[in-house]
Amino acid sequence: MEVLEFEIRSGGTIRIDLEKCETCETKACVKHCNTQGMGQILELKDGVPALKYTPEEVKRGACTEDLGCELECELRGNHAIVITLPLPELDEYLRDLSEKPTYLRGQ
């Protein structure tokens, strides 16, 4: 599987499954990323998303981390993007709950 994966300033990662992008008709993530006020870090190269900047520049803050690329891909694209963000406060909160949320029961 061909993947574009890069780190962002918060310590999270953005992972794009480029094989799914090949058959995407909308390229919604690239369109969203390039609207005014967004990071404008993605471009189309050979029909799939690619970084306009180096991974180091993106990690230093070129990406605005608005999460819109993932949402647009889910709504109008091919479900190819997964954004993973560190949420240590949430992990701590969930650990301290007396009754676990349904999705965590059995873990």
C-alpha atoms as a PDB file:
ATOM      1  CA  MET A   1       0.000   0.000   0.000  1.00  0.00           C
ATOM      2  CA  GLU A   2       1.350   3.392  -0.972  1.00  0.00           C
ATOM      3  CA  VAL A   3       0.985   5.877   1.899  1.00  0.00           C
ATOM      4  CA  LEU A   4       1.817   9.520   2.518  1.00  0.00           C
ATOM      5  CA  GLU A   5       2.417   9.954   6.239  1.00  0.00           C
ATOM      6  CA  PHE A   6       3.791  13.011   7.991  1.00  0.00           C
ATOM      7  CA  GLU A   7       4.000  14.504  11.471  1.00  0.00           C
ATOM      8  CA  ILE A   8       2.311  17.729  12.510  1.00  0.00           C
ATOM      9  CA  ARG A   9       3.187  20.303  15.158  1.00  0.00           C
ATOM     10  CA  SER A  10       0.952  18.849  17.897  1.00  0.00           C
ATOM     11  CA  GLY A  11       2.897  15.581  17.759  1.00  0.00           C
ATOM     12  CA  GLY A  12       0.175  13.844  15.781  1.00  0.00           C
ATOM     13  CA  THR A  13       0.347  12.282  12.345  1.00  0.00           C
ATOM     14  CA  ILE A  14      -1.620  12.496   9.135  1.00  0.00           C
ATOM     15  CA  ARG A  15      -1.755   9.308   7.088  1.00  0.00           C
ATOM     16  CA  ILE A  16      -3.148   9.293   3.539  1.00  0.00           C
ATOM     17  CA  ASP A  17      -3.768   6.021   1.688  1.00  0.00           C
ATOM     18  CA  LEU A  18      -2.687   7.049  -1.806  1.00  0.00           C
ATOM     19  CA  GLU A  19      -4.124   3.912  -3.408  1.00  0.00           C
ATOM     20  CA  LYS A  20      -7.602   5.095  -2.400  1.00  0.00           C
ATOM     21  CA  CYS A  21      -6.746   8.568  -3.710  1.00  0.00           C
ATOM     22  CA  GLU A  22      -6.015   7.211  -7.172  1.00  0.00           C
ATOM     23  CA  THR A  23      -9.716   6.441  -7.688  1.00  0.00           C
ATOM     24  CA  CYS A  24     -11.056   9.493  -5.847  1.00  0.00           C
ATOM     25  CA  GLU A  25     -13.005  11.725  -8.209  1.00  0.00           C
ATOM     26  CA  THR A  26     -13.248  14.796  -5.953  1.00  0.00           C
ATOM     27  CA  LYS A  27      -9.770  15.205  -4.438  1.00  0.00           C
ATOM     28  CA  ALA A  28     -11.729  16.963  -1.684  1.00  0.00           C
ATOM     29  CA  CYS A  29      -8.814  16.985   0.775  1.00  0.00           C
ATOM     30  CA  VAL A  30      -6.564  18.966  -1.574  1.00  0.00           C
ATOM     31  CA  LYS A  31      -9.370  21.398  -2.409  1.00  0.00           C
ATOM     32  CA  HIS A  32     -10.070  22.011   1.284  1.00  0.00           C
ATOM     33  CA  CYS A  33      -6.409  22.355   2.221  1.00  0.00           C
ATOM     34  CA  ASN A  34      -5.939  25.016  -0.457  1.00  0.00           C
ATOM     35  CA  THR A  35      -8.822  27.276   0.556  1.00  0.00           C
ATOM     36  CA  GLN A  36      -7.862  30.651   1.989  1.00  0.00           C
ATOM     37  CA  GLY A  37      -6.815  30.478   5.614  1.00  0.00           C
ATOM     38  CA  MET A  38      -5.926  26.790   5.565  1.00  0.00           C
ATOM     39  CA  GLY A  39      -2.382  25.432   5.593  1.00  0.00           C
ATOM     40  CA  GLN A  40      -2.191  24.951   1.835  1.00  0.00           C
ATOM     41  CA  ILE A  41       0.311  22.138   2.322  1.00  0.00           C
ATOM     42  CA  LEU A  42      -1.194  19.667  -0.165  1.00  0.00           C
ATOM     43  CA  GLU A  43      -1.019  19.634  -3.944  1.00  0.00           C
ATOM     44  CA  LEU A  44      -1.879  17.100  -6.605  1.00  0.00           C
ATOM     45  CA  LYS A  45       1.071  15.244  -8.073  1.00  0.00           C
ATOM     46  CA  ASP A  46       0.421  12.412 -10.519  1.00  0.00           C
ATOM     47  CA  GLY A  47      -3.253  12.510  -9.498  1.00  0.00           C
ATOM     48  CA  VAL A  48      -2.708  11.995  -5.748  1.00  0.00           C
ATOM     49  CA  PRO A  49      -2.042  14.316  -2.795  1.00  0.00           C
ATOM     50  CA  ALA A  50       1.573  15.290  -2.155  1.00  0.00           C
ATOM     51  CA  LEU A  51       3.236  17.727   0.220  1.00  0.00           C
ATOM     52  CA  LYS A  52       4.156  21.183  -1.112  1.00  0.00           C
ATOM     53  CA  TYR A  53       6.659  21.570   1.718  1.00  0.00           C
ATOM     54  CA  THR A  54       9.247  19.326   3.332  1.00  0.00           C
ATOM     55  CA  PRO A  55       8.063  17.087   6.174  1.00  0.00           C
ATOM     56  CA  GLU A  56      10.205  19.195   8.531  1.00  0.00           C
ATOM     57  CA  GLU A  57       8.424  22.413   7.479  1.00  0.00           C
ATOM     58  CA  VAL A  58       5.031  20.753   7.930  1.00  0.00           C
ATOM     59  CA  LYS A  59       6.013  19.502  11.390  1.00  0.00           C
ATOM     60  CA  ARG A  60       7.212  22.989  12.379  1.00  0.00           C
ATOM     61  CA  GLY A  61       3.727  24.368  11.760  1.00  0.00           C
ATOM     62  CA  ALA A  62       2.956  24.704   8.042  1.00  0.00           C
ATOM     63  CA  CYS A  63      -0.142  22.530   8.605  1.00  0.00           C
ATOM     64  CA  THR A  64      -2.912  24.416  10.445  1.00  0.00           C
ATOM     65  CA  GLU A  65      -4.228  21.132  11.917  1.00  0.00           C
ATOM     66  CA  ASP A  66      -7.830  22.142  11.260  1.00  0.00           C
ATOM     67  CA  LEU A  67      -8.718  18.459  10.556  1.00  0.00           C
ATOM     68  CA  GLY A  68     -10.753  19.562   7.530  1.00  0.00           C
ATOM     69  CA  CYS A  69      -8.875  17.329   5.090  1.00  0.00           C
ATOM     70  CA  GLU A  70      -9.987  14.239   7.008  1.00  0.00           C
ATOM     71  CA  LEU A  71     -13.590  15.434   7.243  1.00  0.00           C
ATOM     72  CA  GLU A  72     -13.775  16.368   3.548  1.00  0.00           C
ATOM     73  CA  CYS A  73     -12.271  13.010   2.593  1.00  0.00           C
ATOM     74  CA  GLU A  74     -14.882  11.211   4.704  1.00  0.00           C
ATOM     75  CA  LEU A  75     -17.787  13.235   3.333  1.00  0.00           C
ATOM     76  CA  ARG A  76     -16.791  13.709  -0.317  1.00  0.00           C
ATOM     77  CA  GLY A  77     -13.755  11.524  -0.947  1.00  0.00           C
ATOM     78  CA  ASN A  78     -12.631   7.906  -0.598  1.00  0.00           C
ATOM     79  CA  HIS A  79     -12.078   7.649   3.186  1.00  0.00           C
ATOM     80  CA  ALA A  80      -8.311   7.693   2.713  1.00  0.00           C
ATOM     81  CA  ILE A  81      -7.165   9.979   5.554  1.00  0.00           C
ATOM     82  CA  VAL A  82      -6.580   9.168   9.209  1.00  0.00           C
ATOM     83  CA  ILE A  83      -5.384  11.866  11.593  1.00  0.00           C
ATOM     84  CA  THR A  84      -3.972  10.703  14.908  1.00  0.00           C
ATOM     85  CA  LEU A  85      -3.587  13.305  17.638  1.00  0.00           C
ATOM     86  CA  PRO A  86      -2.076  12.878  21.098  1.00  0.00           C
ATOM     87  CA  LEU A  87      -4.677  13.532  23.787  1.00  0.00           C
ATOM     88  CA  PRO A  88      -2.945  12.733  27.092  1.00  0.00           C
ATOM     89  CA  GLU A  89      -5.596  14.539  29.157  1.00  0.00           C
ATOM     90  CA  LEU A  90      -8.325  12.403  27.597  1.00  0.00           C
ATOM     91  CA  ASP A  91      -6.365   9.205  28.245  1.00  0.00           C
ATOM     92  CA  GLU A  92      -5.918  10.211  31.885  1.00  0.00           C
ATOM     93  CA  TYR A  93      -9.607  11.101  32.224  1.00  0.00           C
ATOM     94  CA  LEU A  94     -10.724   7.778  30.747  1.00  0.00           C
ATOM     95  CA  ARG A  95      -8.339   5.854  32.997  1.00  0.00           C
ATOM     96  CA  ASP A  96      -9.883   7.471  36.081  1.00  0.00           C
ATOM     97  CA  LEU A  97     -13.539   6.813  35.162  1.00  0.00           C
ATOM     98  CA  SER A  98     -15.334   4.362  37.408  1.00  0.00           C
ATOM     99  CA  GLU A  99     -17.548   3.219  34.516  1.00  0.00           C
ATOM    100  CA  LYS A 100     -15.839   2.923  31.142  1.00  0.00           C
ATOM    101  CA  PRO A 101     -17.450   4.214  27.928  1.00  0.00           C
ATOM    102  CA  THR A 102     -19.053   1.475  25.843  1.00  0.00           C
ATOM    103  CA  TYR A 103     -16.326   1.453  23.221  1.00  0.00           C
ATOM    104  CA  LEU A 104     -13.684   0.782  25.913  1.00  0.00           C
ATOM    105  CA  ARG A 105     -15.507  -2.005  27.762  1.00  0.00           C
ATOM    106  CA  GLY A 106     -13.796  -5.319  27.429  1.00  0.00           C
ATOM    107  CA  GLN A 107     -10.360  -3.765  26.882  1.00  0.00           C
END
